Amino acid sequence: MSNIKKPFQNLVSFLEANQNKKVSSILDAVIEMASSKGAGSSATTCHRNEAGEVQFIRCGYFQQWLPIAFVEFSKKEGTASGYAPMCKEGQSLWSKKQRDAKKAKEQVLEDVANGEVRPEDIPALLESIETARLQRDPNPFGSETVEEALEKDFEAIQAELEAAESVESVESEGEEPAEVEL
């Protein structure tokens, strides 16, 4: 079995031990051995409706279930959902936090070299940079569980966000905002 890839060794051993049996008698066992186990748990990164269409994806950045009808995900071939593991907003925020953390670490080194920061203060500064890098605000469309996501009224959330944006844009223009009922 030295030429057999490790994931297939158990399957090949099973087939060798049962080579005189009819395929129909061992097919269920072979299918069970070859089926996806979901990385040791029943959790997945996408939820499909009864028609098999992806409804929600667990965003890798927000760590929340997000509806693809309201939150934009890039398409990505080769994934179970057909979408990228982070929503576009999450990907942008993740990239920004990585950049900011890198710049902050470089600034710490520069400050130490200039004598503005004592070397013994470095661990505390690096810890605060890392804490800021890992900090994530929840997405307004996000849900902790698929069940919670299935119960949310996303159109109402969308309407609230649009109303808040229109108030902000009016305020930024210096005009009095109109009464908006949420």
C-alpha atoms as a PDB file:
ATOM      1  CA  MET A   1       0.000   0.000   0.000  1.00  0.00           C
ATOM      2  CA  SER A   2       2.953   2.313  -0.285  1.00  0.00           C
ATOM      3  CA  ASN A   3       1.595   3.846  -3.513  1.00  0.00           C
ATOM      4  CA  ILE A   4      -1.917   4.436  -2.129  1.00  0.00           C
ATOM      5  CA  LYS A   5      -2.659   7.919  -0.831  1.00  0.00           C
ATOM      6  CA  LYS A   6      -3.339   7.984   2.910  1.00  0.00           C
ATOM      7  CA  PRO A   7      -7.016   9.067   2.686  1.00  0.00           C
ATOM      8  CA  PHE A   8      -7.763   6.023   0.503  1.00  0.00           C
ATOM      9  CA  GLN A   9      -5.823   3.365   2.427  1.00  0.00           C
ATOM     10  CA  ASN A  10      -8.771   2.297   4.618  1.00  0.00           C
ATOM     11  CA  LEU A  11     -11.044   2.070   1.592  1.00  0.00           C
ATOM     12  CA  VAL A  12      -8.538  -0.018  -0.383  1.00  0.00           C
ATOM     13  CA  SER A  13      -7.971  -2.314   2.621  1.00  0.00           C
ATOM     14  CA  PHE A  14     -11.734  -2.781   2.969  1.00  0.00           C
ATOM     15  CA  LEU A  15     -12.109  -3.574  -0.750  1.00  0.00           C
ATOM     16  CA  GLU A  16      -9.192  -6.042  -0.652  1.00  0.00           C
ATOM     17  CA  ALA A  17     -10.756  -7.805   2.337  1.00  0.00           C
ATOM     18  CA  ASN A  18     -14.103  -8.004   0.521  1.00  0.00           C
ATOM     19  CA  GLN A  19     -12.969  -8.617  -3.063  1.00  0.00           C
ATOM     20  CA  ASN A  20     -15.046 -11.802  -3.428  1.00  0.00           C
ATOM     21  CA  LYS A  21     -18.282 -10.116  -2.344  1.00  0.00           C
ATOM     22  CA  LYS A  22     -20.817  -8.587  -4.707  1.00  0.00           C
ATOM     23  CA  VAL A  23     -20.572  -4.830  -5.079  1.00  0.00           C
ATOM     24  CA  SER A  24     -24.210  -4.418  -4.059  1.00  0.00           C
ATOM     25  CA  SER A  25     -23.538  -6.044  -0.677  1.00  0.00           C
ATOM     26  CA  ILE A  26     -20.683  -3.674   0.264  1.00  0.00           C
ATOM     27  CA  LEU A  27     -21.680  -0.528  -1.637  1.00  0.00           C
ATOM     28  CA  ASP A  28     -23.299   1.186   1.372  1.00  0.00           C
ATOM     29  CA  ALA A  29     -20.148   0.690   3.460  1.00  0.00           C
ATOM     30  CA  VAL A  30     -17.934   2.030   0.642  1.00  0.00           C
ATOM     31  CA  ILE A  31     -20.143   5.102   0.206  1.00  0.00           C
ATOM     32  CA  GLU A  32     -20.023   5.767   3.956  1.00  0.00           C
ATOM     33  CA  MET A  33     -16.217   5.499   3.947  1.00  0.00           C
ATOM     34  CA  ALA A  34     -15.892   7.805   0.924  1.00  0.00           C
ATOM     35  CA  SER A  35     -18.434  10.434   1.969  1.00  0.00           C
ATOM     36  CA  SER A  36     -17.427  13.829   3.325  1.00  0.00           C
ATOM     37  CA  LYS A  37     -17.321  14.052   7.094  1.00  0.00           C
ATOM     38  CA  GLY A  38     -17.300  17.874   7.352  1.00  0.00           C
ATOM     39  CA  ALA A  39     -13.959  18.105   9.200  1.00  0.00           C
ATOM     40  CA  GLY A  40     -15.105  16.012  12.127  1.00  0.00           C
ATOM     41  CA  SER A  41     -18.349  17.824  12.778  1.00  0.00           C
ATOM     42  CA  SER A  42     -21.714  18.407  11.231  1.00  0.00           C
ATOM     43  CA  ALA A  43     -21.012  22.132  10.929  1.00  0.00           C
ATOM     44  CA  THR A  44     -20.639  23.551   7.452  1.00  0.00           C
ATOM     45  CA  THR A  45     -19.899  26.965   6.049  1.00  0.00           C
ATOM     46  CA  CYS A  46     -23.065  27.328   3.978  1.00  0.00           C
ATOM     47  CA  HIS A  47     -26.780  26.666   4.325  1.00  0.00           C
ATOM     48  CA  ARG A  48     -28.925  25.733   1.350  1.00  0.00           C
ATOM     49  CA  ASN A  49     -32.688  25.929   0.944  1.00  0.00           C
ATOM     50  CA  GLU A  50     -34.795  22.949  -0.145  1.00  0.00           C
ATOM     51  CA  ALA A  51     -34.064  23.758  -3.793  1.00  0.00           C
ATOM     52  CA  GLY A  52     -30.321  23.422  -3.100  1.00  0.00           C
ATOM     53  CA  GLU A  53     -29.584  27.150  -3.482  1.00  0.00           C
ATOM     54  CA  VAL A  54     -27.135  28.744  -1.049  1.00  0.00           C
ATOM     55  CA  GLN A  55     -29.007  31.062   1.350  1.00  0.00           C
ATOM     56  CA  PHE A  56     -26.450  31.760   4.087  1.00  0.00           C
ATOM     57  CA  ILE A  57     -22.666  31.585   4.364  1.00  0.00           C
ATOM     58  CA  ARG A  58     -20.674  31.634   7.586  1.00  0.00           C
ATOM     59  CA  CYS A  59     -18.289  34.529   6.942  1.00  0.00           C
ATOM     60  CA  GLY A  60     -14.706  33.817   7.970  1.00  0.00           C
ATOM     61  CA  TYR A  61     -14.189  37.405   9.093  1.00  0.00           C
ATOM     62  CA  PHE A  62     -17.376  38.176  11.013  1.00  0.00           C
ATOM     63  CA  GLN A  63     -17.788  34.570  12.235  1.00  0.00           C
ATOM     64  CA  GLN A  64     -21.514  34.987  11.621  1.00  0.00           C
ATOM     65  CA  TRP A  65     -24.067  33.513   9.232  1.00  0.00           C
ATOM     66  CA  LEU A  66     -24.788  36.104   6.529  1.00  0.00           C
ATOM     67  CA  PRO A  67     -27.550  36.034   3.872  1.00  0.00           C
ATOM     68  CA  ILE A  68     -26.128  36.141   0.351  1.00  0.00           C
ATOM     69  CA  ALA A  69     -29.232  38.032  -0.795  1.00  0.00           C
ATOM     70  CA  PHE A  70     -28.190  41.041   1.330  1.00  0.00           C
ATOM     71  CA  VAL A  71     -24.424  40.657   1.829  1.00  0.00           C
ATOM     72  CA  GLU A  72     -22.055  40.455  -1.141  1.00  0.00           C
ATOM     73  CA  PHE A  73     -19.728  37.451  -1.484  1.00  0.00           C
ATOM     74  CA  SER A  74     -17.316  36.910  -4.381  1.00  0.00           C
ATOM     75  CA  LYS A  75     -17.791  33.785  -6.449  1.00  0.00           C
ATOM     76  CA  LYS A  76     -15.104  31.156  -5.952  1.00  0.00           C
ATOM     77  CA  GLU A  77     -14.924  27.847  -7.767  1.00  0.00           C
ATOM     78  CA  GLY A  78     -13.842  24.793  -5.847  1.00  0.00           C
ATOM     79  CA  THR A  79     -15.634  25.682  -2.615  1.00  0.00           C
ATOM     80  CA  ALA A  80     -18.683  23.860  -1.259  1.00  0.00           C
ATOM     81  CA  SER A  81     -20.814  26.990  -1.568  1.00  0.00           C
ATOM     82  CA  GLY A  82     -19.333  28.390  -4.781  1.00  0.00           C
ATOM     83  CA  TYR A  83     -18.491  31.583  -2.887  1.00  0.00           C
ATOM     84  CA  ALA A  84     -15.420  33.005  -1.130  1.00  0.00           C
ATOM     85  CA  PRO A  85     -15.138  32.246   2.618  1.00  0.00           C
ATOM     86  CA  MET A  86     -15.389  35.955   3.565  1.00  0.00           C
ATOM     87  CA  CYS A  87     -17.926  38.510   2.414  1.00  0.00           C
ATOM     88  CA  LYS A  88     -16.483  41.431   0.446  1.00  0.00           C
ATOM     89  CA  GLU A  89     -16.851  43.805   3.406  1.00  0.00           C
ATOM     90  CA  GLY A  90     -15.183  41.275   5.723  1.00  0.00           C
ATOM     91  CA  GLN A  91     -12.328  40.733   3.263  1.00  0.00           C
ATOM     92  CA  SER A  92     -11.780  44.484   3.031  1.00  0.00           C
ATOM     93  CA  LEU A  93     -11.839  44.941   6.823  1.00  0.00           C
ATOM     94  CA  TRP A  94      -9.529  41.940   7.325  1.00  0.00           C
ATOM     95  CA  SER A  95      -7.008  43.332   4.812  1.00  0.00           C
ATOM     96  CA  LYS A  96      -7.146  46.781   6.426  1.00  0.00           C
ATOM     97  CA  LYS A  97      -6.591  45.353   9.918  1.00  0.00           C
ATOM     98  CA  GLN A  98      -3.598  43.328   8.667  1.00  0.00           C
ATOM     99  CA  ARG A  99      -2.102  46.463   7.069  1.00  0.00           C
ATOM    100  CA  ASP A 100      -2.764  48.590  10.145  1.00  0.00           C
ATOM    101  CA  ALA A 101      -1.212  45.984  12.465  1.00  0.00           C
ATOM    102  CA  LYS A 102       1.882  45.713  10.271  1.00  0.00           C
ATOM    103  CA  LYS A 103       2.312  49.505  10.225  1.00  0.00           C
ATOM    104  CA  ALA A 104       1.780  49.725  13.997  1.00  0.00           C
ATOM    105  CA  LYS A 105       4.437  47.044  14.629  1.00  0.00           C
ATOM    106  CA  GLU A 106       6.868  48.880  12.361  1.00  0.00           C
ATOM    107  CA  GLN A 107       6.101  52.103  14.245  1.00  0.00           C
ATOM    108  CA  VAL A 108       6.854  50.388  17.582  1.00  0.00           C
ATOM    109  CA  LEU A 109      10.288  49.362  16.286  1.00  0.00           C
ATOM    110  CA  GLU A 110      10.913  52.867  14.977  1.00  0.00           C
ATOM    111  CA  ASP A 111       9.829  54.378  18.316  1.00  0.00           C
ATOM    112  CA  VAL A 112      12.171  52.035  20.206  1.00  0.00           C
ATOM    113  CA  ALA A 113      15.034  52.982  17.890  1.00  0.00           C
ATOM    114  CA  ASN A 114      14.292  56.693  18.458  1.00  0.00           C
ATOM    115  CA  GLY A 115      14.159  56.212  22.217  1.00  0.00           C
ATOM    116  CA  GLU A 116      10.471  57.145  22.446  1.00  0.00           C
ATOM    117  CA  VAL A 117       9.504  53.676  23.726  1.00  0.00           C
ATOM    118  CA  ARG A 118      11.406  51.587  26.234  1.00  0.00           C
ATOM    119  CA  PRO A 119      12.215  48.019  25.141  1.00  0.00           C
ATOM    120  CA  GLU A 120      10.386  46.583  28.168  1.00  0.00           C
ATOM    121  CA  ASP A 121       7.162  48.246  26.914  1.00  0.00           C
ATOM    122  CA  ILE A 122       7.247  46.329  23.607  1.00  0.00           C
ATOM    123  CA  PRO A 123       5.232  43.249  24.739  1.00  0.00           C
ATOM    124  CA  ALA A 124       2.335  45.379  26.024  1.00  0.00           C
ATOM    125  CA  LEU A 125       2.295  47.445  22.828  1.00  0.00           C
ATOM    126  CA  LEU A 126       2.374  44.342  20.635  1.00  0.00           C
ATOM    127  CA  GLU A 127      -0.451  42.811  22.665  1.00  0.00           C
ATOM    128  CA  SER A 128      -2.620  45.908  22.181  1.00  0.00           C
ATOM    129  CA  ILE A 129      -1.874  45.858  18.431  1.00  0.00           C
ATOM    130  CA  GLU A 130      -2.874  42.192  18.254  1.00  0.00           C
ATOM    131  CA  THR A 131      -6.058  42.848  20.250  1.00  0.00           C
ATOM    132  CA  ALA A 132      -7.008  45.620  17.820  1.00  0.00           C
ATOM    133  CA  ARG A 133      -6.238  43.355  14.854  1.00  0.00           C
ATOM    134  CA  LEU A 134      -8.517  40.615  16.166  1.00  0.00           C
ATOM    135  CA  GLN A 135     -11.370  42.955  17.192  1.00  0.00           C
ATOM    136  CA  ARG A 136     -14.448  42.488  15.000  1.00  0.00           C
ATOM    137  CA  ASP A 137     -17.695  44.425  15.053  1.00  0.00           C
ATOM    138  CA  PRO A 138     -20.755  42.324  14.233  1.00  0.00           C
ATOM    139  CA  ASN A 139     -22.390  42.633  10.833  1.00  0.00           C
ATOM    140  CA  PRO A 140     -25.976  43.965  11.084  1.00  0.00           C
ATOM    141  CA  PHE A 141     -27.164  41.056   8.927  1.00  0.00           C
ATOM    142  CA  GLY A 142     -25.176  38.494  10.930  1.00  0.00           C
ATOM    143  CA  SER A 143     -26.584  35.653  12.995  1.00  0.00           C
ATOM    144  CA  GLU A 144     -24.817  33.320  15.391  1.00  0.00           C
ATOM    145  CA  THR A 145     -26.732  30.252  14.161  1.00  0.00           C
ATOM    146  CA  VAL A 146     -28.484  29.196  10.957  1.00  0.00           C
ATOM    147  CA  GLU A 147     -31.725  28.842  12.926  1.00  0.00           C
ATOM    148  CA  GLU A 148     -31.449  32.464  14.085  1.00  0.00           C
ATOM    149  CA  ALA A 149     -30.691  33.559  10.514  1.00  0.00           C
ATOM    150  CA  LEU A 150     -33.768  31.772   9.182  1.00  0.00           C
ATOM    151  CA  GLU A 151     -35.972  33.768  11.578  1.00  0.00           C
ATOM    152  CA  LYS A 152     -34.560  37.253  10.822  1.00  0.00           C
ATOM    153  CA  ASP A 153     -36.418  39.843   8.751  1.00  0.00           C
ATOM    154  CA  PHE A 154     -33.541  40.999   6.525  1.00  0.00           C
ATOM    155  CA  GLU A 155     -35.701  43.394   4.508  1.00  0.00           C
ATOM    156  CA  ALA A 156     -36.544  45.312   7.709  1.00  0.00           C
ATOM    157  CA  ILE A 157     -32.832  45.453   8.607  1.00  0.00           C
ATOM    158  CA  GLN A 158     -32.046  46.716   5.087  1.00  0.00           C
ATOM    159  CA  ALA A 159     -34.730  49.418   5.412  1.00  0.00           C
ATOM    160  CA  GLU A 160     -33.314  50.536   8.792  1.00  0.00           C
ATOM    161  CA  LEU A 161     -29.783  50.753   7.371  1.00  0.00           C
ATOM    162  CA  GLU A 162     -30.937  52.734   4.333  1.00  0.00           C
ATOM    163  CA  ALA A 163     -32.916  55.128   6.563  1.00  0.00           C
ATOM    164  CA  ALA A 164     -29.876  55.637   8.803  1.00  0.00           C
ATOM    165  CA  GLU A 165     -27.668  56.274   5.750  1.00  0.00           C
ATOM    166  CA  SER A 166     -30.091  58.870   4.371  1.00  0.00           C
ATOM    167  CA  VAL A 167     -30.116  60.669   7.745  1.00  0.00           C
ATOM    168  CA  GLU A 168     -26.289  60.626   7.805  1.00  0.00           C
ATOM    169  CA  SER A 169     -26.025  61.985   4.264  1.00  0.00           C
ATOM    170  CA  VAL A 170     -28.491  64.805   5.033  1.00  0.00           C
ATOM    171  CA  GLU A 171     -26.602  65.657   8.238  1.00  0.00           C
ATOM    172  CA  SER A 172     -23.284  65.714   6.391  1.00  0.00           C
ATOM    173  CA  GLU A 173     -24.741  68.244   3.929  1.00  0.00           C
ATOM    174  CA  GLY A 174     -25.590  70.522   6.866  1.00  0.00           C
ATOM    175  CA  GLU A 175     -29.356  70.317   6.448  1.00  0.00           C
ATOM    176  CA  GLU A 176     -31.860  69.358   9.088  1.00  0.00           C
ATOM    177  CA  PRO A 177     -32.733  65.672   8.726  1.00  0.00           C
ATOM    178  CA  ALA A 178     -36.322  64.778   8.023  1.00  0.00           C
ATOM    179  CA  GLU A 179     -38.136  62.658  10.586  1.00  0.00           C
ATOM    180  CA  VAL A 180     -37.425  59.017   9.789  1.00  0.00           C
ATOM    181  CA  GLU A 181     -39.478  56.360  11.474  1.00  0.00           C
ATOM    182  CA  LEU A 182     -37.590  53.126  12.051  1.00  0.00           C
END
